Amino acid sequence: MQTAKAQPGHDVPNLEATLAAEPKVKVMIHEQEGHEGQKDVFLGVNGRGILVKRGFEVDIPFSYYMVLKEAKYEIPVKADDGTDEIKIIPRFAFNVIGTLPTMEA
């Protein structure tokens, strides 16, 4: 059985260099009630994870900010007419400190 080898010019990009070059976003993830609301927050992008400490201003790469921003969960609620509905809410309470960097397409 033959195995494929990377060809010159087709190397896997260096993820560390990519993340280092990525614009940073300063965020503060707030503590929330309960034991889980005190724990560090895990954010993952393409198989690479970081832990973000709650209650501190932290610079994170833009791609991890996007994961944080899009983290949501669903809760069942009763509508005014008595039917069941799903409400989508943010998973984490956080603030962006300063301005967001612009990402070039």
Foldseek 3Di string as FASTA:
>chain_A
DDDDDQDVVRDDDDVVVVQVPAAKWWKAWAADDDPVSQAWDWFDDPHDIDTHHHPDTDIGGPVSVVRQVPAWDWDWDADPVRDIDIDIDRPIDMDTDDDDDDDDD
